[in-house]
Amino acid sequence: MTDSMFSGKGTSPPAPGRDGARRKAFELFKSKKNRAVAVNQQIETDRAISDAKMARLRALRLAKEESDRVAARIAAEIKAAAPPKRKRPTASKRIETAAPEPDPFKENGD
């Protein structure tokens, strides 16, 4: 090393291992920073995937709820439009309410 490199006052030539240590520290810092950037990018990617999945599931849920509402409304309209069903009388009530058959052996005038 020449004296021209260190011509400034108060500067001394660096210690022999000092540049290597500084370079090693800088590389370590740089690699940590790169890892942090990669981790943050991965987190953002995962978050975007998760948000897309949630949006898709929400859209499916809302579509299903809407189709259920439409089906319930149609079923209610059909039920309201249909005439009420009459209950069939039981066998004992049919016998009581049935009109007696005319006796074929009786004459009409008697």
N, C-alpha and C. Protein backbone atom coordinates (compact mmCIF):
# COMPACT_ATOMS: atom_id res chain seq x y z
N MET A 1 0.85 -1.16 0.00
CA MET A 1 0.00 0.00 0.00
C MET A 1 0.90 1.23 0.00
N THR A 2 0.40 2.19 -0.69
CA THR A 2 1.22 3.39 -0.82
C THR A 2 0.75 4.47 0.12
N ASP A 3 1.59 5.42 0.36
CA ASP A 3 1.26 6.53 1.26
C ASP A 3 0.25 7.47 0.62
N SER A 4 0.12 7.46 -0.71
CA SER A 4 -0.81 8.37 -1.39
C SER A 4 -2.26 8.03 -1.05
N MET A 5 -2.55 6.76 -0.74
CA MET A 5 -3.91 6.37 -0.39
C MET A 5 -4.32 6.94 0.95
N PHE A 6 -3.38 7.15 1.83
CA PHE A 6 -3.69 7.60 3.17
C PHE A 6 -3.07 8.97 3.41
N SER A 7 -3.27 9.88 2.50
CA SER A 7 -2.63 11.18 2.59
C SER A 7 -3.36 12.13 3.53
N GLY A 8 -4.60 11.82 3.88
CA GLY A 8 -5.36 12.70 4.76
C GLY A 8 -4.79 12.69 6.16
N LYS A 9 -4.93 13.82 6.85
CA LYS A 9 -4.42 13.90 8.21
C LYS A 9 -5.30 13.10 9.14
N GLY A 10 -4.77 12.45 10.07
CA GLY A 10 -5.50 11.69 11.07
C GLY A 10 -5.95 10.32 10.59
N THR A 11 -5.63 9.95 9.38
CA THR A 11 -5.99 8.62 8.91
C THR A 11 -4.78 7.73 8.97
N SER A 12 -5.02 6.54 9.36
CA SER A 12 -3.94 5.58 9.42
C SER A 12 -4.30 4.41 8.54
N PRO A 13 -3.33 3.69 8.09
CA PRO A 13 -3.65 2.53 7.24
C PRO A 13 -4.48 1.54 8.06
N PRO A 14 -5.48 0.90 7.41
CA PRO A 14 -6.32 -0.05 8.14
C PRO A 14 -5.51 -1.24 8.60
N ALA A 15 -5.99 -1.85 9.66
CA ALA A 15 -5.35 -3.05 10.17
C ALA A 15 -5.53 -4.15 9.13
N PRO A 16 -4.61 -5.11 9.08
CA PRO A 16 -4.67 -6.13 8.03
C PRO A 16 -5.99 -6.90 7.99
N GLY A 17 -6.59 -7.25 9.10
CA GLY A 17 -7.83 -8.06 9.09
C GLY A 17 -9.09 -7.21 9.13
N ARG A 18 -8.93 -5.91 9.22
CA ARG A 18 -10.09 -5.05 9.39
C ARG A 18 -10.98 -5.01 8.15
N ASP A 19 -10.42 -4.92 6.97
CA ASP A 19 -11.22 -4.89 5.75
C ASP A 19 -11.97 -6.20 5.57
N GLY A 20 -11.36 -7.31 5.86
CA GLY A 20 -12.03 -8.60 5.74
C GLY A 20 -13.19 -8.72 6.70
N ALA A 21 -13.00 -8.24 7.92
CA ALA A 21 -14.08 -8.30 8.91
C ALA A 21 -15.23 -7.39 8.49
N ARG A 22 -14.89 -6.22 7.99
CA ARG A 22 -15.94 -5.28 7.54
C ARG A 22 -16.71 -5.88 6.37
N ARG A 23 -15.98 -6.45 5.44
CA ARG A 23 -16.63 -7.05 4.27
C ARG A 23 -17.51 -8.23 4.70
N LYS A 24 -17.00 -9.04 5.63
CA LYS A 24 -17.79 -10.17 6.12
C LYS A 24 -19.05 -9.70 6.84
N ALA A 25 -18.92 -8.66 7.66
CA ALA A 25 -20.08 -8.11 8.37
C ALA A 25 -21.10 -7.54 7.37
N PHE A 26 -20.60 -6.84 6.36
CA PHE A 26 -21.49 -6.29 5.35
C PHE A 26 -22.23 -7.39 4.60
N GLU A 27 -21.53 -8.45 4.24
CA GLU A 27 -22.16 -9.58 3.54
C GLU A 27 -23.20 -10.25 4.44
N LEU A 28 -22.89 -10.40 5.72
CA LEU A 28 -23.84 -10.99 6.66
C LEU A 28 -25.09 -10.13 6.75
N PHE A 29 -24.89 -8.83 6.91
CA PHE A 29 -26.02 -7.91 6.98
C PHE A 29 -26.85 -7.97 5.70
N LYS A 30 -26.16 -7.99 4.57
CA LYS A 30 -26.83 -8.04 3.27
C LYS A 30 -27.66 -9.33 3.13
N SER A 31 -27.10 -10.46 3.56
CA SER A 31 -27.82 -11.73 3.45
C SER A 31 -29.04 -11.74 4.38
N LYS A 32 -28.90 -11.17 5.59
CA LYS A 32 -30.05 -11.09 6.51
C LYS A 32 -31.14 -10.21 5.91
N LYS A 33 -30.71 -9.11 5.31
CA LYS A 33 -31.68 -8.20 4.69
C LYS A 33 -32.40 -8.89 3.53
N ASN A 34 -31.64 -9.63 2.72
CA ASN A 34 -32.25 -10.34 1.60
C ASN A 34 -33.24 -11.40 2.08
N ARG A 35 -32.89 -12.11 3.16
CA ARG A 35 -33.81 -13.10 3.72
C ARG A 35 -35.08 -12.44 4.24
N ALA A 36 -34.92 -11.30 4.90
CA ALA A 36 -36.08 -10.59 5.43
C ALA A 36 -37.00 -10.15 4.28
N VAL A 37 -36.40 -9.68 3.20
CA VAL A 37 -37.19 -9.27 2.04
C VAL A 37 -37.91 -10.48 1.44
N ALA A 38 -37.22 -11.60 1.35
CA ALA A 38 -37.83 -12.82 0.79
C ALA A 38 -38.98 -13.30 1.68
N VAL A 39 -38.77 -13.24 3.00
CA VAL A 39 -39.83 -13.67 3.93
C VAL A 39 -41.03 -12.75 3.80
N ASN A 40 -40.81 -11.44 3.73
CA ASN A 40 -41.92 -10.50 3.58
C ASN A 40 -42.66 -10.71 2.26
N GLN A 41 -41.93 -11.00 1.20
CA GLN A 41 -42.58 -11.29 -0.08
C GLN A 41 -43.43 -12.55 0.02
N GLN A 42 -42.92 -13.57 0.71
CA GLN A 42 -43.67 -14.81 0.87
C GLN A 42 -44.94 -14.57 1.70
N ILE A 43 -44.80 -13.75 2.75
CA ILE A 43 -45.97 -13.42 3.58
C ILE A 43 -47.01 -12.69 2.74
N GLU A 44 -46.59 -11.75 1.94
CA GLU A 44 -47.52 -11.01 1.07
C GLU A 44 -48.19 -11.93 0.06
N THR A 45 -47.41 -12.86 -0.50
CA THR A 45 -47.97 -13.82 -1.46
C THR A 45 -49.00 -14.71 -0.77
N ASP A 46 -48.68 -15.21 0.41
CA ASP A 46 -49.61 -16.06 1.16
C ASP A 46 -50.87 -15.28 1.51
N ARG A 47 -50.70 -14.03 1.90
CA ARG A 47 -51.85 -13.20 2.26
C ARG A 47 -52.74 -12.97 1.04
N ALA A 48 -52.13 -12.73 -0.11
CA ALA A 48 -52.92 -12.53 -1.33
C ALA A 48 -53.69 -13.80 -1.71
N ILE A 49 -53.03 -14.95 -1.57
CA ILE A 49 -53.70 -16.22 -1.86
C ILE A 49 -54.86 -16.42 -0.90
N SER A 50 -54.63 -16.16 0.37
CA SER A 50 -55.67 -16.32 1.38
C SER A 50 -56.84 -15.37 1.12
N ASP A 51 -56.54 -14.12 0.77
CA ASP A 51 -57.60 -13.16 0.48
C ASP A 51 -58.42 -13.59 -0.73
N ALA A 52 -57.75 -14.11 -1.76
CA ALA A 52 -58.47 -14.57 -2.95
C ALA A 52 -59.37 -15.76 -2.61
N LYS A 53 -58.86 -16.66 -1.78
CA LYS A 53 -59.64 -17.83 -1.38
C LYS A 53 -60.86 -17.39 -0.57
N MET A 54 -60.66 -16.45 0.37
CA MET A 54 -61.78 -15.97 1.18
C MET A 54 -62.82 -15.27 0.32
N ALA A 55 -62.38 -14.50 -0.65
CA ALA A 55 -63.32 -13.81 -1.53
C ALA A 55 -64.13 -14.81 -2.35
N ARG A 56 -63.46 -15.85 -2.83
CA ARG A 56 -64.17 -16.88 -3.62
C ARG A 56 -65.19 -17.61 -2.75
N LEU A 57 -64.79 -17.98 -1.54
CA LEU A 57 -65.72 -18.69 -0.65
C LEU A 57 -66.88 -17.79 -0.23
N ARG A 58 -66.60 -16.52 -0.03
CA ARG A 58 -67.67 -15.58 0.35
C ARG A 58 -68.66 -15.45 -0.81
N ALA A 59 -68.14 -15.35 -2.02
CA ALA A 59 -69.03 -15.24 -3.19
C ALA A 59 -69.89 -16.50 -3.32
N LEU A 60 -69.30 -17.66 -3.11
CA LEU A 60 -70.08 -18.91 -3.17
C LEU A 60 -71.15 -18.94 -2.09
N ARG A 61 -70.79 -18.52 -0.87
CA ARG A 61 -71.76 -18.52 0.23
C ARG A 61 -72.91 -17.57 -0.06
N LEU A 62 -72.60 -16.37 -0.56
CA LEU A 62 -73.65 -15.41 -0.87
C LEU A 62 -74.56 -15.90 -1.99
N ALA A 63 -73.98 -16.57 -2.99
CA ALA A 63 -74.79 -17.12 -4.08
C ALA A 63 -75.71 -18.22 -3.56
N LYS A 64 -75.20 -19.06 -2.68
CA LYS A 64 -76.02 -20.13 -2.11
C LYS A 64 -77.15 -19.55 -1.26
N GLU A 65 -76.84 -18.55 -0.45
CA GLU A 65 -77.88 -17.93 0.37
C GLU A 65 -78.95 -17.29 -0.50
N GLU A 66 -78.55 -16.66 -1.59
CA GLU A 66 -79.53 -16.05 -2.49
C GLU A 66 -80.41 -17.12 -3.15
N SER A 67 -79.80 -18.22 -3.59
CA SER A 67 -80.61 -19.29 -4.21
C SER A 67 -81.55 -19.92 -3.19
N ASP A 68 -81.11 -20.05 -1.94
CA ASP A 68 -81.99 -20.57 -0.88
C ASP A 68 -83.16 -19.63 -0.64
N ARG A 69 -82.90 -18.31 -0.65
CA ARG A 69 -83.97 -17.33 -0.46
C ARG A 69 -84.98 -17.41 -1.59
N VAL A 70 -84.49 -17.54 -2.82
CA VAL A 70 -85.39 -17.63 -3.98
C VAL A 70 -86.22 -18.91 -3.89
N ALA A 71 -85.57 -20.02 -3.53
CA ALA A 71 -86.30 -21.29 -3.42
C ALA A 71 -87.36 -21.21 -2.33
N ALA A 72 -87.03 -20.59 -1.20
CA ALA A 72 -88.00 -20.47 -0.10
C ALA A 72 -89.16 -19.58 -0.52
N ARG A 73 -88.87 -18.50 -1.26
CA ARG A 73 -89.94 -17.61 -1.71
C ARG A 73 -90.86 -18.33 -2.69
N ILE A 74 -90.30 -19.08 -3.61
CA ILE A 74 -91.10 -19.82 -4.58
C ILE A 74 -91.95 -20.87 -3.88
N ALA A 75 -91.36 -21.57 -2.91
CA ALA A 75 -92.11 -22.58 -2.17
C ALA A 75 -93.27 -21.94 -1.40
N ALA A 76 -93.04 -20.76 -0.82
CA ALA A 76 -94.10 -20.07 -0.09
C ALA A 76 -95.21 -19.62 -1.03
N GLU A 77 -94.84 -19.15 -2.23
CA GLU A 77 -95.84 -18.73 -3.21
C GLU A 77 -96.68 -19.92 -3.67
N ILE A 78 -96.04 -21.05 -3.90
CA ILE A 78 -96.76 -22.25 -4.33
C ILE A 78 -97.71 -22.72 -3.23
N LYS A 79 -97.21 -22.69 -2.01
CA LYS A 79 -98.05 -23.15 -0.88
C LYS A 79 -99.23 -22.21 -0.69
N ALA A 80 -99.02 -20.91 -0.85
CA ALA A 80 -100.11 -19.95 -0.69
C ALA A 80 -101.12 -20.05 -1.83
N ALA A 81 -100.66 -20.37 -3.02
CA ALA A 81 -101.56 -20.44 -4.17
C ALA A 81 -102.36 -21.74 -4.21
N ALA A 82 -101.89 -22.79 -3.61
CA ALA A 82 -102.57 -24.08 -3.65
C ALA A 82 -103.80 -24.03 -2.74
N PRO A 83 -104.91 -24.66 -3.19
CA PRO A 83 -106.09 -24.68 -2.33
C PRO A 83 -105.80 -25.53 -1.10
N PRO A 84 -106.44 -25.19 -0.01
CA PRO A 84 -106.17 -25.98 1.20
C PRO A 84 -106.67 -27.41 1.02
N LYS A 85 -105.91 -28.33 1.50
CA LYS A 85 -106.29 -29.73 1.37
C LYS A 85 -107.35 -30.06 2.42
N ARG A 86 -108.36 -30.79 1.97
CA ARG A 86 -109.41 -31.22 2.90
C ARG A 86 -109.01 -32.57 3.47
N LYS A 87 -109.28 -32.72 4.70
CA LYS A 87 -108.99 -34.00 5.33
C LYS A 87 -110.09 -34.98 4.95
N ARG A 88 -109.67 -36.20 4.69
CA ARG A 88 -110.65 -37.24 4.39
C ARG A 88 -111.23 -37.71 5.71
N PRO A 89 -112.54 -37.87 5.76
CA PRO A 89 -113.14 -38.35 7.01
C PRO A 89 -112.74 -39.79 7.28
N THR A 90 -112.67 -40.11 8.53
CA THR A 90 -112.32 -41.49 8.89
C THR A 90 -113.50 -42.40 8.55
N ALA A 91 -113.29 -43.67 8.61
CA ALA A 91 -114.33 -44.65 8.22
C ALA A 91 -115.56 -44.52 9.12
N SER A 92 -115.40 -44.31 10.40
CA SER A 92 -116.56 -44.21 11.29
C SER A 92 -117.37 -42.96 11.00
N LYS A 93 -116.75 -41.86 10.65
CA LYS A 93 -117.48 -40.63 10.34
C LYS A 93 -118.16 -40.75 8.99
N ARG A 94 -117.60 -41.49 8.06
CA ARG A 94 -118.24 -41.67 6.76
C ARG A 94 -119.54 -42.45 6.92
N ILE A 95 -119.55 -43.41 7.79
CA ILE A 95 -120.77 -44.22 8.00
C ILE A 95 -121.85 -43.36 8.64
N GLU A 96 -121.47 -42.53 9.61
CA GLU A 96 -122.46 -41.69 10.29
C GLU A 96 -123.04 -40.64 9.36
N THR A 97 -122.26 -40.06 8.52
CA THR A 97 -122.74 -38.96 7.69
C THR A 97 -123.30 -39.43 6.35
N ALA A 98 -123.14 -40.68 6.02
CA ALA A 98 -123.63 -41.16 4.73
C ALA A 98 -125.16 -41.22 4.75
N ALA A 99 -125.76 -40.84 3.65
CA ALA A 99 -127.23 -40.88 3.55
C ALA A 99 -127.68 -42.33 3.42
N PRO A 100 -128.77 -42.69 4.04
CA PRO A 100 -129.23 -44.08 3.95
C PRO A 100 -129.69 -44.37 2.52
N GLU A 101 -129.39 -45.57 2.12
CA GLU A 101 -129.79 -45.98 0.78
C GLU A 101 -131.29 -46.27 0.77
N PRO A 102 -131.96 -45.91 -0.31
CA PRO A 102 -133.41 -46.21 -0.37
C PRO A 102 -133.63 -47.73 -0.48
N ASP A 103 -134.67 -48.19 0.16
CA ASP A 103 -135.01 -49.60 0.16
C ASP A 103 -135.65 -49.92 -1.19
N PRO A 104 -135.08 -50.84 -1.96
CA PRO A 104 -135.64 -51.11 -3.29
C PRO A 104 -136.97 -51.84 -3.20
N PHE A 105 -137.31 -52.42 -2.07
CA PHE A 105 -138.54 -53.19 -1.97
C PHE A 105 -139.73 -52.34 -1.56
N LYS A 106 -139.47 -51.16 -1.09
CA LYS A 106 -140.57 -50.27 -0.69
C LYS A 106 -141.08 -49.54 -1.92
N GLU A 107 -142.32 -49.25 -1.90
CA GLU A 107 -142.87 -48.50 -2.98
C GLU A 107 -142.70 -47.00 -2.71
N ASN A 108 -142.65 -46.23 -3.74
CA ASN A 108 -142.34 -44.82 -3.58
C ASN A 108 -143.42 -44.05 -2.85
N GLY A 109 -144.62 -44.39 -2.98
CA GLY A 109 -145.71 -43.66 -2.39
C GLY A 109 -145.98 -43.99 -0.95
N ASP A 110 -145.56 -45.08 -0.43
CA ASP A 110 -145.90 -45.48 0.92
C ASP A 110 -145.12 -44.80 1.93
